[in-house]
Amino acid sequence: FDRYSVLLIGEICQRFIETGMEVTPQMKEWLRNAVDVVLV
């Protein structure tokens, strides 16, 4: 588990934003986990 383990969900969400897809609640939960690593 390295940089990409935290970054990947951010990349996936960005691809959804880029292509007009709706980000699911599960994806937002995973993204929040990544946020919690980054914020501290």
PDB file of all heavy atoms in Angstrom:
ATOM      1  N   PHE A   1       0.852  -1.189   0.000  1.00  0.00           N
ATOM      2  CA  PHE A   1       0.000   0.000   0.000  1.00  0.00           C
ATOM      3  C   PHE A   1       0.891   1.243   0.000  1.00  0.00           C
ATOM      4  O   PHE A   1       1.552   1.536   0.981  1.00  0.00           O
ATOM      5  CB  PHE A   1      -0.899  -0.005   1.231  1.00  0.00           C
ATOM      6  CG  PHE A   1      -1.905  -1.128   1.248  1.00  0.00           C
ATOM      7  CD1 PHE A   1      -1.570  -2.353   1.791  1.00  0.00           C
ATOM      8  CD2 PHE A   1      -3.163  -0.957   0.712  1.00  0.00           C
ATOM      9  CE1 PHE A   1      -2.478  -3.402   1.805  1.00  0.00           C
ATOM     10  CE2 PHE A   1      -4.093  -1.998   0.717  1.00  0.00           C
ATOM     11  CZ  PHE A   1      -3.744  -3.222   1.266  1.00  0.00           C
ATOM     12  N   ASP A   2       0.902   1.946  -1.118  1.00  0.00           N
ATOM     13  CA  ASP A   2       1.782   3.108  -1.225  1.00  0.00           C
ATOM     14  C   ASP A   2       1.010   4.324  -1.712  1.00  0.00           C
ATOM     15  O   ASP A   2      -0.215   4.409  -1.518  1.00  0.00           O
ATOM     16  CB  ASP A   2       2.994   2.785  -2.106  1.00  0.00           C
ATOM     17  CG  ASP A   2       2.597   2.245  -3.474  1.00  0.00           C
ATOM     18  OD1 ASP A   2       1.439   2.420  -3.884  1.00  0.00           O
ATOM     19  OD2 ASP A   2       3.463   1.643  -4.142  1.00  0.00           O
ATOM     20  N   ARG A   3       1.696   5.261  -2.306  1.00  0.00           N
ATOM     21  CA  ARG A   3       1.045   6.481  -2.808  1.00  0.00           C
ATOM     22  C   ARG A   3      -0.186   6.169  -3.642  1.00  0.00           C
ATOM     23  O   ARG A   3      -1.241   6.793  -3.481  1.00  0.00           O
ATOM     24  CB  ARG A   3       2.064   7.272  -3.625  1.00  0.00           C
ATOM     25  CG  ARG A   3       1.505   8.211  -4.678  1.00  0.00           C
ATOM     26  CD  ARG A   3       2.633   8.788  -5.514  1.00  0.00           C
ATOM     27  NE  ARG A   3       2.162   9.405  -6.740  1.00  0.00           N
ATOM     28  CZ  ARG A   3       2.038   8.755  -7.906  1.00  0.00           C
ATOM     29  NH1 ARG A   3       2.321   7.467  -7.995  1.00  0.00           N
ATOM     30  NH2 ARG A   3       1.623   9.401  -8.980  1.00  0.00           N
ATOM     31  N   TYR A   4      -0.073   5.181  -4.528  1.00  0.00           N
ATOM     32  CA  TYR A   4      -1.179   4.896  -5.429  1.00  0.00           C
ATOM     33  C   TYR A   4      -2.386   4.324  -4.695  1.00  0.00           C
ATOM     34  O   TYR A   4      -3.524   4.473  -5.141  1.00  0.00           O
ATOM     35  CB  TYR A   4      -0.744   3.947  -6.554  1.00  0.00           C
ATOM     36  CG  TYR A   4      -1.066   4.534  -7.901  1.00  0.00           C
ATOM     37  CD1 TYR A   4      -0.063   4.893  -8.779  1.00  0.00           C
ATOM     38  CD2 TYR A   4      -2.374   4.777  -8.275  1.00  0.00           C
ATOM     39  CE1 TYR A   4      -0.348   5.468 -10.003  1.00  0.00           C
ATOM     40  CE2 TYR A   4      -2.683   5.347  -9.497  1.00  0.00           C
ATOM     41  CZ  TYR A   4      -1.670   5.690 -10.354  1.00  0.00           C
ATOM     42  OH  TYR A   4      -1.965   6.267 -11.563  1.00  0.00           O
ATOM     43  N   SER A   5      -2.167   3.676  -3.568  1.00  0.00           N
ATOM     44  CA  SER A   5      -3.283   3.123  -2.810  1.00  0.00           C
ATOM     45  C   SER A   5      -4.208   4.226  -2.315  1.00  0.00           C
ATOM     46  O   SER A   5      -5.413   4.016  -2.159  1.00  0.00           O
ATOM     47  CB  SER A   5      -2.752   2.318  -1.624  1.00  0.00           C
ATOM     48  OG  SER A   5      -1.874   1.304  -2.060  1.00  0.00           O
ATOM     49  N   VAL A   6      -3.655   5.397  -2.053  1.00  0.00           N
ATOM     50  CA  VAL A   6      -4.437   6.549  -1.617  1.00  0.00           C
ATOM     51  C   VAL A   6      -4.931   7.348  -2.817  1.00  0.00           C
ATOM     52  O   VAL A   6      -6.069   7.827  -2.855  1.00  0.00           O
ATOM     53  CB  VAL A   6      -3.594   7.437  -0.686  1.00  0.00           C
ATOM     54  CG1 VAL A   6      -4.377   8.662  -0.226  1.00  0.00           C
ATOM     55  CG2 VAL A   6      -3.117   6.627   0.522  1.00  0.00           C
ATOM     56  N   LEU A   7      -4.093   7.482  -3.830  1.00  0.00           N
ATOM     57  CA  LEU A   7      -4.408   8.304  -4.993  1.00  0.00           C
ATOM     58  C   LEU A   7      -5.473   7.689  -5.893  1.00  0.00           C
ATOM     59  O   LEU A   7      -6.280   8.409  -6.490  1.00  0.00           O
ATOM     60  CB  LEU A   7      -3.127   8.541  -5.801  1.00  0.00           C
ATOM     61  CG  LEU A   7      -3.269   9.157  -7.194  1.00  0.00           C
ATOM     62  CD1 LEU A   7      -3.906  10.534  -7.127  1.00  0.00           C
ATOM     63  CD2 LEU A   7      -1.903   9.222  -7.879  1.00  0.00           C
ATOM     64  N   LEU A   8      -5.509   6.359  -6.015  1.00  0.00           N
ATOM     65  CA  LEU A   8      -6.292   5.715  -7.069  1.00  0.00           C
ATOM     66  C   LEU A   8      -7.755   6.119  -7.048  1.00  0.00           C
ATOM     67  O   LEU A   8      -8.343   6.410  -8.096  1.00  0.00           O
ATOM     68  CB  LEU A   8      -6.156   4.200  -6.971  1.00  0.00           C
ATOM     69  CG  LEU A   8      -6.880   3.402  -8.068  1.00  0.00           C
ATOM     70  CD1 LEU A   8      -6.408   3.829  -9.458  1.00  0.00           C
ATOM     71  CD2 LEU A   8      -6.657   1.909  -7.882  1.00  0.00           C
ATOM     72  N   ILE A   9      -8.382   6.168  -5.881  1.00  0.00           N
ATOM     73  CA  ILE A   9      -9.801   6.520  -5.857  1.00  0.00           C
ATOM     74  C   ILE A   9      -9.993   7.969  -6.293  1.00  0.00           C
ATOM     75  O   ILE A   9     -11.006   8.308  -6.918  1.00  0.00           O
ATOM     76  CB  ILE A   9     -10.414   6.259  -4.464  1.00  0.00           C
ATOM     77  CG1 ILE A   9     -11.928   6.458  -4.510  1.00  0.00           C
ATOM     78  CG2 ILE A   9      -9.774   7.129  -3.405  1.00  0.00           C
ATOM     79  CD1 ILE A   9     -12.658   5.575  -5.495  1.00  0.00           C
ATOM     80  N   GLY A  10      -9.017   8.839  -6.012  1.00  0.00           N
ATOM     81  CA  GLY A  10      -9.094  10.210  -6.511  1.00  0.00           C
ATOM     82  C   GLY A  10      -9.047  10.244  -8.030  1.00  0.00           C
ATOM     83  O   GLY A  10      -9.789  10.995  -8.676  1.00  0.00           O
ATOM     84  N   GLU A  11      -8.178   9.429  -8.618  1.00  0.00           N
ATOM     85  CA  GLU A  11      -8.111   9.344 -10.080  1.00  0.00           C
ATOM     86  C   GLU A  11      -9.417   8.830 -10.665  1.00  0.00           C
ATOM     87  O   GLU A  11      -9.919   9.358 -11.658  1.00  0.00           O
ATOM     88  CB  GLU A  11      -6.969   8.416 -10.496  1.00  0.00           C
ATOM     89  CG  GLU A  11      -5.602   9.031 -10.413  1.00  0.00           C
ATOM     90  CD  GLU A  11      -4.540   8.152 -11.067  1.00  0.00           C
ATOM     91  OE1 GLU A  11      -4.827   6.988 -11.389  1.00  0.00           O
ATOM     92  OE2 GLU A  11      -3.421   8.648 -11.245  1.00  0.00           O
ATOM     93  N   ILE A  12      -9.967   7.783 -10.054  1.00  0.00           N
ATOM     94  CA  ILE A  12     -11.202   7.204 -10.569  1.00  0.00           C
ATOM     95  C   ILE A  12     -12.331   8.236 -10.511  1.00  0.00           C
ATOM     96  O   ILE A  12     -13.094   8.408 -11.474  1.00  0.00           O
ATOM     97  CB  ILE A  12     -11.577   5.938  -9.781  1.00  0.00           C
ATOM     98  CG1 ILE A  12     -10.547   4.824 -10.037  1.00  0.00           C
ATOM     99  CG2 ILE A  12     -12.970   5.451 -10.168  1.00  0.00           C
ATOM    100  CD1 ILE A  12     -10.720   3.607  -9.146  1.00  0.00           C
ATOM    101  N   CYS A  13     -12.446   8.937  -9.396  1.00  0.00           N
ATOM    102  CA  CYS A  13     -13.486   9.954  -9.274  1.00  0.00           C
ATOM    103  C   CYS A  13     -13.292  11.060 -10.309  1.00  0.00           C
ATOM    104  O   CYS A  13     -14.264  11.554 -10.904  1.00  0.00           O
ATOM    105  CB  CYS A  13     -13.493  10.541  -7.874  1.00  0.00           C
ATOM    106  SG  CYS A  13     -14.129   9.416  -6.596  1.00  0.00           S
ATOM    107  N   GLN A  14     -12.039  11.433 -10.557  1.00  0.00           N
ATOM    108  CA  GLN A  14     -11.783  12.460 -11.560  1.00  0.00           C
ATOM    109  C   GLN A  14     -12.217  11.995 -12.944  1.00  0.00           C
ATOM    110  O   GLN A  14     -12.759  12.776 -13.733  1.00  0.00           O
ATOM    111  CB  GLN A  14     -10.298  12.822 -11.567  1.00  0.00           C
ATOM    112  CG  GLN A  14      -9.945  14.002 -12.469  1.00  0.00           C
ATOM    113  CD  GLN A  14      -9.691  13.609 -13.923  1.00  0.00           C
ATOM    114  OE1 GLN A  14      -9.224  12.507 -14.192  1.00  0.00           O
ATOM    115  NE2 GLN A  14     -10.006  14.495 -14.842  1.00  0.00           N
ATOM    116  N   ARG A  15     -12.015  10.713 -13.249  1.00  0.00           N
ATOM    117  CA  ARG A  15     -12.445  10.188 -14.551  1.00  0.00           C
ATOM    118  C   ARG A  15     -13.971  10.251 -14.677  1.00  0.00           C
ATOM    119  O   ARG A  15     -14.503  10.525 -15.758  1.00  0.00           O
ATOM    120  CB  ARG A  15     -11.977   8.745 -14.741  1.00  0.00           C
ATOM    121  CG  ARG A  15     -10.498   8.499 -14.573  1.00  0.00           C
ATOM    122  CD  ARG A  15      -9.628   9.217 -15.592  1.00  0.00           C
ATOM    123  NE  ARG A  15      -8.252   8.799 -15.421  1.00  0.00           N
ATOM    124  CZ  ARG A  15      -7.323   9.465 -14.723  1.00  0.00           C
ATOM    125  NH1 ARG A  15      -7.639  10.595 -14.145  1.00  0.00           N
ATOM    126  NH2 ARG A  15      -6.109   9.006 -14.620  1.00  0.00           N
ATOM    127  N   PHE A  16     -14.660   9.988 -13.583  1.00  0.00           N
ATOM    128  CA  PHE A  16     -16.122  10.102 -13.607  1.00  0.00           C
ATOM    129  C   PHE A  16     -16.527  11.556 -13.843  1.00  0.00           C
ATOM    130  O   PHE A  16     -17.435  11.833 -14.632  1.00  0.00           O
ATOM    131  CB  PHE A  16     -16.710   9.593 -12.291  1.00  0.00           C
ATOM    132  CG  PHE A  16     -16.969   8.117 -12.245  1.00  0.00           C
ATOM    133  CD1 PHE A  16     -15.968   7.206 -12.561  1.00  0.00           C
ATOM    134  CD2 PHE A  16     -18.210   7.627 -11.879  1.00  0.00           C
ATOM    135  CE1 PHE A  16     -16.201   5.844 -12.519  1.00  0.00           C
ATOM    136  CE2 PHE A  16     -18.462   6.265 -11.837  1.00  0.00           C
ATOM    137  CZ  PHE A  16     -17.461   5.363 -12.155  1.00  0.00           C
ATOM    138  N   ILE A  17     -15.873  12.482 -13.153  1.00  0.00           N
ATOM    139  CA  ILE A  17     -16.171  13.897 -13.346  1.00  0.00           C
ATOM    140  C   ILE A  17     -15.894  14.295 -14.789  1.00  0.00           C
ATOM    141  O   ILE A  17     -16.706  14.960 -15.448  1.00  0.00           O
ATOM    142  CB  ILE A  17     -15.334  14.752 -12.378  1.00  0.00           C
ATOM    143  CG1 ILE A  17     -15.723  14.461 -10.924  1.00  0.00           C
ATOM    144  CG2 ILE A  17     -15.495  16.236 -12.698  1.00  0.00           C
ATOM    145  CD1 ILE A  17     -14.740  15.036  -9.899  1.00  0.00           C
ATOM    146  N   GLU A  18     -14.751  13.877 -15.306  1.00  0.00           N
ATOM    147  CA  GLU A  18     -14.320  14.242 -16.658  1.00  0.00           C
ATOM    148  C   GLU A  18     -15.307  13.769 -17.713  1.00  0.00           C
ATOM    149  O   GLU A  18     -15.539  14.463 -18.714  1.00  0.00           O
ATOM    150  CB  GLU A  18     -12.937  13.641 -16.927  1.00  0.00           C
ATOM    151  CG  GLU A  18     -12.390  13.888 -18.315  1.00  0.00           C
ATOM    152  CD  GLU A  18     -11.071  13.169 -18.568  1.00  0.00           C
ATOM    153  OE1 GLU A  18     -10.740  12.230 -17.818  1.00  0.00           O
ATOM    154  OE2 GLU A  18     -10.385  13.549 -19.529  1.00  0.00           O
ATOM    155  N   THR A  19     -15.894  12.598 -17.489  1.00  0.00           N
ATOM    156  CA  THR A  19     -16.737  11.997 -18.536  1.00  0.00           C
ATOM    157  C   THR A  19     -18.222  12.067 -18.199  1.00  0.00           C
ATOM    158  O   THR A  19     -19.027  11.385 -18.819  1.00  0.00           O
ATOM    159  CB  THR A  19     -16.326  10.534 -18.781  1.00  0.00           C
ATOM    160  OG1 THR A  19     -16.494   9.775 -17.565  1.00  0.00           O
ATOM    161  CG2 THR A  19     -14.876  10.454 -19.223  1.00  0.00           C
ATOM    162  N   GLY A  20     -18.586  12.881 -17.206  1.00  0.00           N
ATOM    163  CA  GLY A  20     -19.995  13.125 -16.933  1.00  0.00           C
ATOM    164  C   GLY A  20     -20.743  11.987 -16.275  1.00  0.00           C
ATOM    165  O   GLY A  20     -21.975  11.866 -16.435  1.00  0.00           O
ATOM    166  N   MET A  21     -20.056  11.151 -15.514  1.00  0.00           N
ATOM    167  CA  MET A  21     -20.709  10.050 -14.809  1.00  0.00           C
ATOM    168  C   MET A  21     -20.941  10.420 -13.352  1.00  0.00           C
ATOM    169  O   MET A  21     -20.208  11.219 -12.768  1.00  0.00           O
ATOM    170  CB  MET A  21     -19.858   8.786 -14.903  1.00  0.00           C
ATOM    171  CG  MET A  21     -19.688   8.260 -16.311  1.00  0.00           C
ATOM    172  SD  MET A  21     -18.674   6.755 -16.358  1.00  0.00           S
ATOM    173  CE  MET A  21     -19.777   5.585 -15.535  1.00  0.00           C
ATOM    174  N   GLU A  22     -21.961   9.824 -12.754  1.00  0.00           N
ATOM    175  CA  GLU A  22     -22.281  10.111 -11.364  1.00  0.00           C
ATOM    176  C   GLU A  22     -21.426   9.260 -10.439  1.00  0.00           C
ATOM    177  O   GLU A  22     -21.388   8.034 -10.549  1.00  0.00           O
ATOM    178  CB  GLU A  22     -23.762   9.845 -11.093  1.00  0.00           C
ATOM    179  CG  GLU A  22     -24.183  10.218  -9.677  1.00  0.00           C
ATOM    180  CD  GLU A  22     -25.666  10.058  -9.449  1.00  0.00           C
ATOM    181  OE1 GLU A  22     -26.400   9.817 -10.433  1.00  0.00           O
ATOM    182  OE2 GLU A  22     -26.101  10.165  -8.287  1.00  0.00           O
ATOM    183  N   VAL A  23     -20.736   9.903  -9.521  1.00  0.00           N
ATOM    184  CA  VAL A  23     -19.911   9.209  -8.539  1.00  0.00           C
ATOM    185  C   VAL A  23     -20.828   8.600  -7.481  1.00  0.00           C
ATOM    186  O   VAL A  23     -21.695   9.281  -6.929  1.00  0.00           O
ATOM    187  CB  VAL A  23     -18.903  10.183  -7.902  1.00  0.00           C
ATOM    188  CG1 VAL A  23     -18.129   9.510  -6.774  1.00  0.00           C
ATOM    189  CG2 VAL A  23     -17.943  10.719  -8.962  1.00  0.00           C
ATOM    190  N   THR A  24     -20.635   7.325  -7.195  1.00  0.00           N
ATOM    191  CA  THR A  24     -21.534   6.608  -6.298  1.00  0.00           C
ATOM    192  C   THR A  24     -21.220   6.928  -4.835  1.00  0.00           C
ATOM    193  O   THR A  24     -20.111   7.355  -4.500  1.00  0.00           O
ATOM    194  CB  THR A  24     -21.407   5.096  -6.496  1.00  0.00           C
ATOM    195  OG1 THR A  24     -20.092   4.672  -6.062  1.00  0.00           O
ATOM    196  CG2 THR A  24     -21.589   4.719  -7.966  1.00  0.00           C
ATOM    197  N   PRO A  25     -22.179   6.694  -3.938  1.00  0.00           N
ATOM    198  CA  PRO A  25     -21.896   6.874  -2.507  1.00  0.00           C
ATOM    199  C   PRO A  25     -20.725   6.027  -2.020  1.00  0.00           C
ATOM    200  O   PRO A  25     -19.938   6.485  -1.178  1.00  0.00           O
ATOM    201  CB  PRO A  25     -23.212   6.452  -1.838  1.00  0.00           C
ATOM    202  CG  PRO A  25     -24.260   6.738  -2.864  1.00  0.00           C
ATOM    203  CD  PRO A  25     -23.615   6.418  -4.179  1.00  0.00           C
ATOM    204  N   GLN A  26     -20.582   4.802  -2.528  1.00  0.00           N
ATOM    205  CA  GLN A  26     -19.459   3.960  -2.134  1.00  0.00           C
ATOM    206  C   GLN A  26     -18.139   4.593  -2.534  1.00  0.00           C
ATOM    207  O   GLN A  26     -17.172   4.611  -1.762  1.00  0.00           O
ATOM    208  CB  GLN A  26     -19.578   2.573  -2.776  1.00  0.00           C
ATOM    209  CG  GLN A  26     -18.388   1.652  -2.542  1.00  0.00           C
ATOM    210  CD  GLN A  26     -18.266   1.179  -1.125  1.00  0.00           C
ATOM    211  OE1 GLN A  26     -18.894   0.214  -0.734  1.00  0.00           O
ATOM    212  NE2 GLN A  26     -17.450   1.854  -0.310  1.00  0.00           N
ATOM    213  N   MET A  27     -18.077   5.141  -3.740  1.00  0.00           N
ATOM    214  CA  MET A  27     -16.852   5.802  -4.189  1.00  0.00           C
ATOM    215  C   MET A  27     -16.540   7.015  -3.325  1.00  0.00           C
ATOM    216  O   MET A  27     -15.370   7.271  -2.990  1.00  0.00           O
ATOM    217  CB  MET A  27     -16.975   6.199  -5.660  1.00  0.00           C
ATOM    218  CG  MET A  27     -17.028   5.026  -6.615  1.00  0.00           C
ATOM    219  SD  MET A  27     -17.495   5.519  -8.290  1.00  0.00           S
ATOM    220  CE  MET A  27     -16.140   6.590  -8.731  1.00  0.00           C
ATOM    221  N   LYS A  28     -17.559   7.765  -2.945  1.00  0.00           N
ATOM    222  CA  LYS A  28     -17.333   8.924  -2.081  1.00  0.00           C
ATOM    223  C   LYS A  28     -16.824   8.493  -0.715  1.00  0.00           C
ATOM    224  O   LYS A  28     -15.991   9.189  -0.107  1.00  0.00           O
ATOM    225  CB  LYS A  28     -18.612   9.740  -1.946  1.00  0.00           C
ATOM    226  CG  LYS A  28     -19.005  10.487  -3.214  1.00  0.00           C
ATOM    227  CD  LYS A  28     -20.231  11.355  -2.989  1.00  0.00           C
ATOM    228  CE  LYS A  28     -20.605  12.110  -4.250  1.00  0.00           C
ATOM    229  NZ  LYS A  28     -21.785  12.988  -4.046  1.00  0.00           N
ATOM    230  N   GLU A  29     -17.290   7.359  -0.237  1.00  0.00           N
ATOM    231  CA  GLU A  29     -16.793   6.846   1.041  1.00  0.00           C
ATOM    232  C   GLU A  29     -15.318   6.484   0.929  1.00  0.00           C
ATOM    233  O   GLU A  29     -14.515   6.817   1.817  1.00  0.00           O
ATOM    234  CB  GLU A  29     -17.614   5.630   1.459  1.00  0.00           C
ATOM    235  CG  GLU A  29     -17.212   5.028   2.790  1.00  0.00           C
ATOM    236  CD  GLU A  29     -18.051   3.821   3.170  1.00  0.00           C
ATOM    237  OE1 GLU A  29     -19.235   3.779   2.794  1.00  0.00           O
ATOM    238  OE2 GLU A  29     -17.514   2.914   3.836  1.00  0.00           O
ATOM    239  N   TRP A  30     -14.946   5.807  -0.153  1.00  0.00           N
ATOM    240  CA  TRP A  30     -13.534   5.480  -0.365  1.00  0.00           C
ATOM    241  C   TRP A  30     -12.703   6.752  -0.508  1.00  0.00           C
ATOM    242  O   TRP A  30     -11.586   6.837   0.001  1.00  0.00           O
ATOM    243  CB  TRP A  30     -13.381   4.621  -1.622  1.00  0.00           C
ATOM    244  CG  TRP A  30     -13.880   3.213  -1.474  1.00  0.00           C
ATOM    245  CD1 TRP A  30     -14.000   2.491  -0.329  1.00  0.00           C
ATOM    246  CD2 TRP A  30     -14.332   2.366  -2.537  1.00  0.00           C
ATOM    247  NE1 TRP A  30     -14.495   1.239  -0.602  1.00  0.00           N
ATOM    248  CE2 TRP A  30     -14.702   1.132  -1.946  1.00  0.00           C
ATOM    249  CE3 TRP A  30     -14.464   2.506  -3.910  1.00  0.00           C
ATOM    250  CZ2 TRP A  30     -15.188   0.050  -2.695  1.00  0.00           C
ATOM    251  CZ3 TRP A  30     -14.949   1.444  -4.667  1.00  0.00           C
ATOM    252  CH2 TRP A  30     -15.299   0.241  -4.062  1.00  0.00           C
ATOM    253  N   LEU A  31     -13.256   7.742  -1.221  1.00  0.00           N
ATOM    254  CA  LEU A  31     -12.535   9.004  -1.408  1.00  0.00           C
ATOM    255  C   LEU A  31     -12.336   9.700  -0.067  1.00  0.00           C
ATOM    256  O   LEU A  31     -11.269  10.279   0.184  1.00  0.00           O
ATOM    257  CB  LEU A  31     -13.295   9.903  -2.379  1.00  0.00           C
ATOM    258  CG  LEU A  31     -12.650  11.247  -2.719  1.00  0.00           C
ATOM    259  CD1 LEU A  31     -11.268  11.055  -3.345  1.00  0.00           C
ATOM    260  CD2 LEU A  31     -13.551  12.061  -3.659  1.00  0.00           C
ATOM    261  N   ARG A  32     -13.328   9.633   0.795  1.00  0.00           N
ATOM    262  CA  ARG A  32     -13.178  10.253   2.105  1.00  0.00           C
ATOM    263  C   ARG A  32     -12.064   9.568   2.901  1.00  0.00           C
ATOM    264  O   ARG A  32     -11.319  10.227   3.630  1.00  0.00           O
ATOM    265  CB  ARG A  32     -14.493  10.196   2.885  1.00  0.00           C
ATOM    266  CG  ARG A  32     -14.421  10.874   4.264  1.00  0.00           C
ATOM    267  CD  ARG A  32     -14.202  12.373   4.143  1.00  0.00           C
ATOM    268  NE  ARG A  32     -13.344  12.891   5.211  1.00  0.00           N
ATOM    269  CZ  ARG A  32     -13.217  14.178   5.506  1.00  0.00           C
ATOM    270  NH1 ARG A  32     -13.876  15.098   4.822  1.00  0.00           N
ATOM    271  NH2 ARG A  32     -12.412  14.574   6.467  1.00  0.00           N
ATOM    272  N   ASN A  33     -11.945   8.250   2.777  1.00  0.00           N
ATOM    273  CA  ASN A  33     -10.836   7.555   3.428  1.00  0.00           C
ATOM    274  C   ASN A  33      -9.490   8.108   2.963  1.00  0.00           C
ATOM    275  O   ASN A  33      -8.572   8.321   3.766  1.00  0.00           O
ATOM    276  CB  ASN A  33     -10.903   6.057   3.144  1.00  0.00           C
ATOM    277  CG  ASN A  33     -12.072   5.375   3.814  1.00  0.00           C
ATOM    278  OD1 ASN A  33     -12.672   5.906   4.744  1.00  0.00           O
ATOM    279  ND2 ASN A  33     -12.421   4.188   3.340  1.00  0.00           N
ATOM    280  N   ALA A  34      -9.377   8.339   1.639  1.00  0.00           N
ATOM    281  CA  ALA A  34      -8.139   8.900   1.097  1.00  0.00           C
ATOM    282  C   ALA A  34      -7.918  10.319   1.627  1.00  0.00           C
ATOM    283  O   ALA A  34      -6.790  10.700   1.970  1.00  0.00           O
ATOM    284  CB  ALA A  34      -8.179   8.897  -0.426  1.00  0.00           C
ATOM    285  N   VAL A  35      -8.989  11.093   1.686  1.00  0.00           N
ATOM    286  CA  VAL A  35      -8.901  12.453   2.219  1.00  0.00           C
ATOM    287  C   VAL A  35      -8.360  12.446   3.644  1.00  0.00           C
ATOM    288  O   VAL A  35      -7.520  13.274   4.019  1.00  0.00           O
ATOM    289  CB  VAL A  35     -10.286  13.133   2.166  1.00  0.00           C
ATOM    290  CG1 VAL A  35     -10.324  14.375   3.054  1.00  0.00           C
ATOM    291  CG2 VAL A  35     -10.640  13.494   0.735  1.00  0.00           C
ATOM    292  N   ASP A  36      -8.837  11.509   4.456  1.00  0.00           N
ATOM    293  CA  ASP A  36      -8.401  11.463   5.854  1.00  0.00           C
ATOM    294  C   ASP A  36      -6.905  11.198   5.975  1.00  0.00           C
ATOM    295  O   ASP A  36      -6.267  11.658   6.924  1.00  0.00           O
ATOM    296  CB  ASP A  36      -9.202  10.398   6.606  1.00  0.00           C
ATOM    297  CG  ASP A  36     -10.652  10.811   6.826  1.00  0.00           C
ATOM    298  OD1 ASP A  36     -10.954  12.012   6.704  1.00  0.00           O
ATOM    299  OD2 ASP A  36     -11.494   9.922   7.099  1.00  0.00           O
ATOM    300  N   VAL A  37      -6.342  10.442   5.033  1.00  0.00           N
ATOM    301  CA  VAL A  37      -4.888  10.233   5.021  1.00  0.00           C
ATOM    302  C   VAL A  37      -4.177  11.530   4.655  1.00  0.00           C
ATOM    303  O   VAL A  37      -3.168  11.911   5.272  1.00  0.00           O
ATOM    304  CB  VAL A  37      -4.499   9.122   4.022  1.00  0.00           C
ATOM    305  CG1 VAL A  37      -2.982   9.011   3.905  1.00  0.00           C
ATOM    306  CG2 VAL A  37      -5.085   7.791   4.447  1.00  0.00           C
ATOM    307  N   VAL A  38      -4.704  12.220   3.653  1.00  0.00           N
ATOM    308  CA  VAL A  38      -4.028  13.404   3.130  1.00  0.00           C
ATOM    309  C   VAL A  38      -4.130  14.590   4.095  1.00  0.00           C
ATOM    310  O   VAL A  38      -3.138  15.297   4.332  1.00  0.00           O
ATOM    311  CB  VAL A  38      -4.611  13.766   1.751  1.00  0.00           C
ATOM    312  CG1 VAL A  38      -4.102  15.119   1.275  1.00  0.00           C
ATOM    313  CG2 VAL A  38      -4.256  12.682   0.727  1.00  0.00           C
ATOM    314  N   LEU A  39      -5.313  14.823   4.662  1.00  0.00           N
ATOM    315  CA  LEU A  39      -5.501  16.023   5.485  1.00  0.00           C
ATOM    316  C   LEU A  39      -4.526  16.088   6.646  1.00  0.00           C
ATOM    317  O   LEU A  39      -3.982  17.150   6.956  1.00  0.00           O
ATOM    318  CB  LEU A  39      -6.937  16.081   6.008  1.00  0.00           C
ATOM    319  CG  LEU A  39      -8.025  16.497   5.022  1.00  0.00           C
ATOM    320  CD1 LEU A  39      -9.378  16.547   5.723  1.00  0.00           C
ATOM    321  CD2 LEU A  39      -7.724  17.835   4.367  1.00  0.00           C
ATOM    322  N   VAL A  40      -4.293  14.954   7.314  1.00  0.00           N
ATOM    323  CA  VAL A  40      -3.402  14.987   8.484  1.00  0.00           C
ATOM    324  C   VAL A  40      -1.936  15.139   8.088  1.00  0.00           C
ATOM    325  O   VAL A  40      -1.079  15.281   8.950  1.00  0.00           O
ATOM    326  CB  VAL A  40      -3.568  13.732   9.370  1.00  0.00           C
ATOM    327  CG1 VAL A  40      -4.988  13.646   9.905  1.00  0.00           C
ATOM    328  CG2 VAL A  40      -3.190  12.460   8.622  1.00  0.00           C
TER     329      VAL A  40
END
